[in-house]
N, C-alpha and C. Protein backbone atom coordinates (compact mmCIF):
# COMPACT_ATOMS: atom_id res chain seq x y z
N MET A 1 18.17 -47.45 34.23
CA MET A 1 19.83 -47.44 34.34
C MET A 1 20.08 -46.34 34.73
N GLU A 2 19.71 -45.07 33.77
CA GLU A 2 20.28 -43.87 33.63
C GLU A 2 20.46 -42.99 35.05
N ARG A 3 19.28 -43.45 35.81
CA ARG A 3 19.58 -42.12 36.86
C ARG A 3 20.83 -42.94 37.98
N SER A 4 21.10 -44.51 37.70
CA SER A 4 21.81 -44.53 38.62
C SER A 4 23.47 -44.29 38.40
N PHE A 5 23.48 -44.42 37.09
CA PHE A 5 24.48 -43.71 36.42
C PHE A 5 25.16 -42.40 36.24
N LYS A 6 23.79 -41.88 36.55
CA LYS A 6 24.23 -40.41 36.78
C LYS A 6 24.36 -40.40 38.34
N SER A 7 23.82 -41.04 39.38
CA SER A 7 24.23 -40.80 40.67
C SER A 7 25.89 -41.22 40.82
N TYR A 8 26.31 -42.40 40.17
CA TYR A 8 27.60 -42.95 40.57
C TYR A 8 28.69 -41.67 39.97
N TRP A 9 28.51 -40.79 38.84
CA TRP A 9 28.95 -40.38 38.26
C TRP A 9 29.58 -38.84 39.06
N PHE A 10 28.02 -38.59 39.71
CA PHE A 10 28.00 -37.16 40.65
C PHE A 10 29.33 -37.71 41.99
N ILE A 11 28.98 -39.05 42.38
CA ILE A 11 29.48 -39.06 43.59
C ILE A 11 31.00 -39.57 43.49
N SER A 12 31.74 -39.59 42.02
CA SER A 12 33.21 -39.99 41.82
C SER A 12 33.36 -38.48 41.66
N PHE A 13 32.63 -37.86 40.78
CA PHE A 13 32.92 -36.11 40.62
C PHE A 13 33.55 -35.37 41.97
N LEU A 14 32.60 -35.78 42.97
CA LEU A 14 32.68 -35.42 44.06
C LEU A 14 34.10 -36.08 45.22
N LEU A 15 33.89 -36.91 44.78
CA LEU A 15 35.34 -37.29 45.59
C LEU A 15 36.06 -37.44 44.42
N THR A 16 36.74 -36.72 43.57
CA THR A 16 37.71 -36.23 42.50
C THR A 16 38.15 -34.86 43.35
N LEU A 17 36.84 -34.23 43.57
CA LEU A 17 37.55 -32.95 44.22
C LEU A 17 37.96 -32.99 45.47
N LEU A 18 37.28 -34.18 46.30
CA LEU A 18 37.89 -33.93 47.53
C LEU A 18 39.38 -34.33 47.80
N LEU A 19 39.58 -35.11 46.80
CA LEU A 19 41.29 -35.88 46.77
C LEU A 19 42.07 -35.52 46.15
N ILE A 20 42.05 -34.67 45.01
CA ILE A 20 42.80 -34.32 44.34
C ILE A 20 43.87 -33.32 44.74
N PRO A 21 43.53 -32.58 45.70
CA PRO A 21 44.46 -31.15 46.53
C PRO A 21 45.20 -31.83 47.50
N LEU A 22 44.59 -33.09 48.02
CA LEU A 22 45.67 -33.99 48.87
C LEU A 22 47.27 -34.15 48.77
N PRO A 23 47.34 -34.51 47.12
CA PRO A 23 49.15 -34.82 47.24
C PRO A 23 49.50 -32.79 46.96
N PHE A 24 48.78 -32.37 47.07
CA PHE A 24 49.57 -30.93 46.55
C PHE A 24 49.06 -29.79 47.82
N SER A 25 49.02 -30.66 49.12
CA SER A 25 48.61 -29.73 50.24
C SER A 25 50.22 -29.23 51.30
N SER A 26 51.09 -30.48 50.90
CA SER A 26 52.73 -29.99 51.25
C SER A 26 53.13 -29.27 50.39
N PHE A 27 52.41 -28.15 49.44
CA PHE A 27 53.00 -27.27 48.33
C PHE A 27 52.39 -25.90 48.65
N LEU A 28 51.71 -25.85 49.79
CA LEU A 28 50.84 -24.41 49.92
C LEU A 28 52.00 -23.85 51.46
N PRO A 29 51.88 -22.60 51.25
CA PRO A 29 52.46 -21.91 52.86
C PRO A 29 51.66 -22.23 53.62
N SER A 30 52.74 -22.10 54.96
CA SER A 30 51.80 -22.90 56.18
C SER A 30 50.89 -21.66 56.51
N HIS A 31 50.69 -20.59 56.19
CA HIS A 31 49.68 -19.97 56.75
C HIS A 31 48.49 -20.32 56.07
N ALA A 32 48.24 -21.30 54.85
CA ALA A 32 47.30 -21.51 54.37
C ALA A 32 46.40 -22.50 55.35
N TYR A 33 47.36 -23.10 56.47
CA TYR A 33 46.48 -23.95 57.96
C TYR A 33 46.71 -23.09 59.15
N GLY A 34 46.33 -22.07 58.39
CA GLY A 34 46.62 -20.91 59.61
C GLY A 34 47.47 -20.92 60.77
N GLN A 35 48.21 -21.33 60.33
CA GLN A 35 50.17 -21.51 61.40
C GLN A 35 51.23 -19.95 61.41
N SER A 36 50.57 -19.55 60.66
CA SER A 36 51.38 -17.92 60.31
C SER A 36 51.26 -16.93 61.73
N THR A 37 52.61 -16.70 61.83
CA THR A 37 52.09 -15.50 62.86
C THR A 37 51.61 -14.38 62.79
N LEU A 38 50.05 -13.39 63.19
CA LEU A 38 49.46 -12.39 62.84
C LEU A 38 49.59 -11.59 63.34
N SER A 39 50.04 -10.43 63.04
CA SER A 39 50.11 -8.65 63.75
C SER A 39 48.45 -7.99 64.13
N THR A 40 49.05 -7.55 65.04
CA THR A 40 47.12 -6.43 64.40
C THR A 40 47.31 -5.62 64.63
N LEU A 41 46.96 -4.48 63.87
CA LEU A 41 46.90 -3.12 63.26
C LEU A 41 45.62 -2.43 64.39
N GLU A 42 45.68 -2.03 64.96
CA GLU A 42 44.76 -1.21 65.88
C GLU A 42 44.17 0.32 65.75
N LEU A 43 43.50 0.44 65.01
CA LEU A 43 42.96 1.82 64.95
C LEU A 43 41.50 2.46 65.82
N ALA A 44 42.17 2.60 67.18
CA ALA A 44 41.89 2.92 68.52
C ALA A 44 40.47 3.98 68.33
N ALA A 45 40.62 5.37 67.83
CA ALA A 45 39.90 6.44 67.56
C ALA A 45 38.71 5.65 66.92
N GLU A 46 38.75 4.73 65.42
CA GLU A 46 38.09 4.43 64.75
C GLU A 46 37.38 3.09 65.27
N GLY A 47 37.66 2.50 66.25
CA GLY A 47 37.10 1.21 66.92
C GLY A 47 37.51 -0.12 65.93
N ILE A 48 38.74 0.24 64.79
CA ILE A 48 39.05 -1.20 64.19
C ILE A 48 40.07 -1.77 64.40
N LYS A 49 40.00 -2.95 64.56
CA LYS A 49 41.22 -3.98 64.19
C LYS A 49 42.10 -4.83 63.03
N VAL A 50 42.59 -4.63 62.55
CA VAL A 50 42.55 -5.64 61.56
C VAL A 50 43.81 -6.74 61.64
N SER A 51 44.12 -7.57 60.99
CA SER A 51 45.04 -8.37 61.29
C SER A 51 45.86 -8.79 60.40
N TYR A 52 46.74 -8.91 60.36
CA TYR A 52 47.71 -9.22 58.97
C TYR A 52 48.85 -10.22 58.78
N PRO A 53 49.11 -10.90 57.96
CA PRO A 53 49.92 -12.13 58.20
C PRO A 53 51.78 -11.49 58.33
N GLU A 54 52.57 -12.54 58.61
CA GLU A 54 54.16 -12.15 58.75
C GLU A 54 54.47 -12.29 57.58
N GLY A 55 55.24 -10.93 57.51
CA GLY A 55 56.02 -10.49 56.13
C GLY A 55 55.42 -9.18 55.56
N TRP A 56 54.31 -8.69 56.27
CA TRP A 56 53.44 -7.64 55.89
C TRP A 56 53.85 -6.40 56.70
N SER A 57 53.71 -5.27 56.61
CA SER A 57 53.80 -4.34 57.75
C SER A 57 53.32 -3.01 57.54
N VAL A 58 53.53 -2.25 58.43
CA VAL A 58 52.68 -1.10 58.37
C VAL A 58 53.69 0.03 57.95
N PRO A 59 53.51 0.68 56.92
CA PRO A 59 54.10 1.66 56.80
C PRO A 59 54.28 3.22 57.43
N PRO A 60 55.15 4.02 57.04
CA PRO A 60 54.45 5.34 57.43
C PRO A 60 53.32 6.09 57.01
N LYS A 61 52.63 6.74 57.84
CA LYS A 61 51.55 7.38 57.32
C LYS A 61 51.86 8.30 56.27
N ARG A 62 50.79 7.95 55.39
CA ARG A 62 51.25 9.15 53.83
C ARG A 62 50.02 10.34 53.92
N PHE A 63 49.06 9.78 54.47
CA PHE A 63 47.76 10.77 54.43
C PHE A 63 46.86 10.78 55.92
N ALA A 64 46.71 11.58 56.44
CA ALA A 64 45.79 12.06 57.72
C ALA A 64 44.41 11.02 58.02
N ASN A 65 43.94 10.90 57.26
CA ASN A 65 42.70 9.68 57.30
C ASN A 65 42.97 7.91 56.38
N MET A 66 44.72 7.74 56.29
CA MET A 66 44.61 6.69 55.75
C MET A 66 45.86 5.68 56.43
N VAL A 67 45.66 4.53 56.56
CA VAL A 67 46.84 3.58 57.10
C VAL A 67 46.76 2.64 55.76
N GLU A 68 47.84 2.26 55.50
CA GLU A 68 48.35 0.99 54.55
C GLU A 68 48.82 0.11 55.57
N ILE A 69 48.82 -1.30 55.04
CA ILE A 69 49.13 -2.59 55.54
C ILE A 69 49.98 -2.99 53.74
N VAL A 70 50.94 -3.39 53.61
CA VAL A 70 51.97 -3.85 52.60
C VAL A 70 52.53 -4.86 52.71
N ASN A 71 53.04 -6.24 51.80
CA ASN A 71 53.40 -7.34 51.38
C ASN A 71 55.06 -7.05 52.07
N VAL A 72 55.64 -6.12 52.44
CA VAL A 72 57.23 -5.99 52.79
C VAL A 72 57.23 -6.29 54.13
N ALA A 73 58.19 -6.76 54.30
CA ALA A 73 58.56 -7.07 55.89
C ALA A 73 59.03 -5.83 56.93
N PRO A 74 58.66 -5.89 58.04
CA PRO A 74 59.05 -4.58 58.37
C PRO A 74 60.39 -4.02 58.16
N ASP A 75 61.61 -4.85 58.15
CA ASP A 75 62.46 -4.59 58.04
C ASP A 75 63.44 -4.16 56.86
N GLN A 76 62.15 -4.36 55.51
CA GLN A 76 62.56 -3.86 54.44
C GLN A 76 61.82 -3.17 53.81
N LEU A 77 61.16 -1.89 54.42
CA LEU A 77 60.27 -1.06 53.94
C LEU A 77 61.66 0.03 53.74
N GLY A 78 61.05 0.52 52.78
CA GLY A 78 61.94 1.76 51.80
C GLY A 78 63.54 0.88 51.35
N SER A 79 63.75 -0.33 51.27
CA SER A 79 64.27 -0.50 50.18
C SER A 79 64.06 -1.58 49.66
N VAL A 80 62.35 -2.10 49.72
CA VAL A 80 61.89 -3.00 49.33
C VAL A 80 60.59 -2.66 48.61
N GLU A 81 60.09 -2.60 46.89
CA GLU A 81 58.88 -1.95 46.69
C GLU A 81 57.52 -3.03 46.98
N PRO A 82 56.85 -2.66 47.32
CA PRO A 82 55.53 -3.31 47.67
C PRO A 82 54.61 -3.91 46.55
N THR A 83 54.26 -4.99 46.42
CA THR A 83 53.16 -5.50 45.06
C THR A 83 52.05 -5.22 45.33
N ALA A 84 51.63 -5.66 46.65
CA ALA A 84 50.44 -5.55 47.22
C ALA A 84 50.35 -4.51 48.09
N ARG A 85 48.94 -3.98 48.88
CA ARG A 85 48.77 -2.99 49.71
C ARG A 85 47.26 -2.86 49.84
N VAL A 86 46.67 -3.08 51.10
CA VAL A 86 45.67 -2.70 51.41
C VAL A 86 45.46 -1.30 52.17
N LYS A 87 44.92 -0.41 51.56
CA LYS A 87 44.67 0.73 51.86
C LYS A 87 43.15 0.49 52.89
N ILE A 88 43.28 1.51 53.98
CA ILE A 88 42.22 1.58 54.78
C ILE A 88 42.04 2.95 55.02
N THR A 89 40.76 3.59 54.90
CA THR A 89 40.56 5.17 55.26
C THR A 89 39.20 5.33 55.90
N THR A 90 39.49 6.61 56.43
CA THR A 90 38.00 6.73 57.48
C THR A 90 37.80 7.91 56.69
N GLU A 91 36.42 8.39 57.14
CA GLU A 91 35.89 9.51 56.90
C GLU A 91 35.24 9.95 58.36
N THR A 92 35.02 11.41 58.54
CA THR A 92 33.73 11.14 59.47
C THR A 92 32.45 12.28 58.57
N ARG A 93 31.52 11.31 59.58
CA ARG A 93 30.25 11.97 58.66
C ARG A 93 29.22 12.62 59.75
N ARG A 94 28.22 13.45 59.17
CA ARG A 94 27.11 14.04 60.43
C ARG A 94 26.56 13.00 60.92
N ASP A 95 26.15 12.04 60.20
CA ASP A 95 25.42 10.85 60.79
C ASP A 95 24.81 9.55 59.88
N HIS A 96 24.27 8.71 60.58
CA HIS A 96 24.15 7.35 59.65
C HIS A 96 23.95 7.40 58.66
N ALA A 97 23.05 7.92 58.23
CA ALA A 97 22.28 8.14 56.85
C ALA A 97 22.83 8.58 55.78
N GLU A 98 23.93 9.70 56.37
CA GLU A 98 25.08 10.89 55.37
C GLU A 98 26.23 9.48 55.12
N ALA A 99 26.27 8.83 56.14
CA ALA A 99 27.37 8.02 56.10
C ALA A 99 27.28 6.78 54.78
N LEU A 100 25.70 6.08 55.21
CA LEU A 100 24.98 5.16 54.01
C LEU A 100 24.90 5.75 52.68
N GLN A 101 24.71 7.24 52.39
CA GLN A 101 24.82 7.79 51.22
C GLN A 101 25.81 8.05 50.64
N ARG A 102 27.12 7.94 51.38
CA ARG A 102 28.79 7.93 50.80
C ARG A 102 28.76 6.82 50.40
N LEU A 103 28.52 5.62 51.50
CA LEU A 103 28.67 4.11 50.84
C LEU A 103 27.97 4.09 49.05
């Protein structure tokens, strides 16, 4: 009897976890469902491409080896202070072993 109770409890717990988010899904931003427009930052020399969402932008470079992506729309750069930023830095190393050591 105890075993079947545990099974039913576990199944109802899983169903609850699956069903709770449904009423709240309308409050999520559209990009939560992959509907956001993405822009791409390409660092060709390093062979890197980074996608970032609408409303974010790439400000002018402050350092030669660093690129930033900030949560400010391109038309608001300079007038609105970012509250989040992603910094991408690159370093040239002699070989793979030295690069791994740096990590």
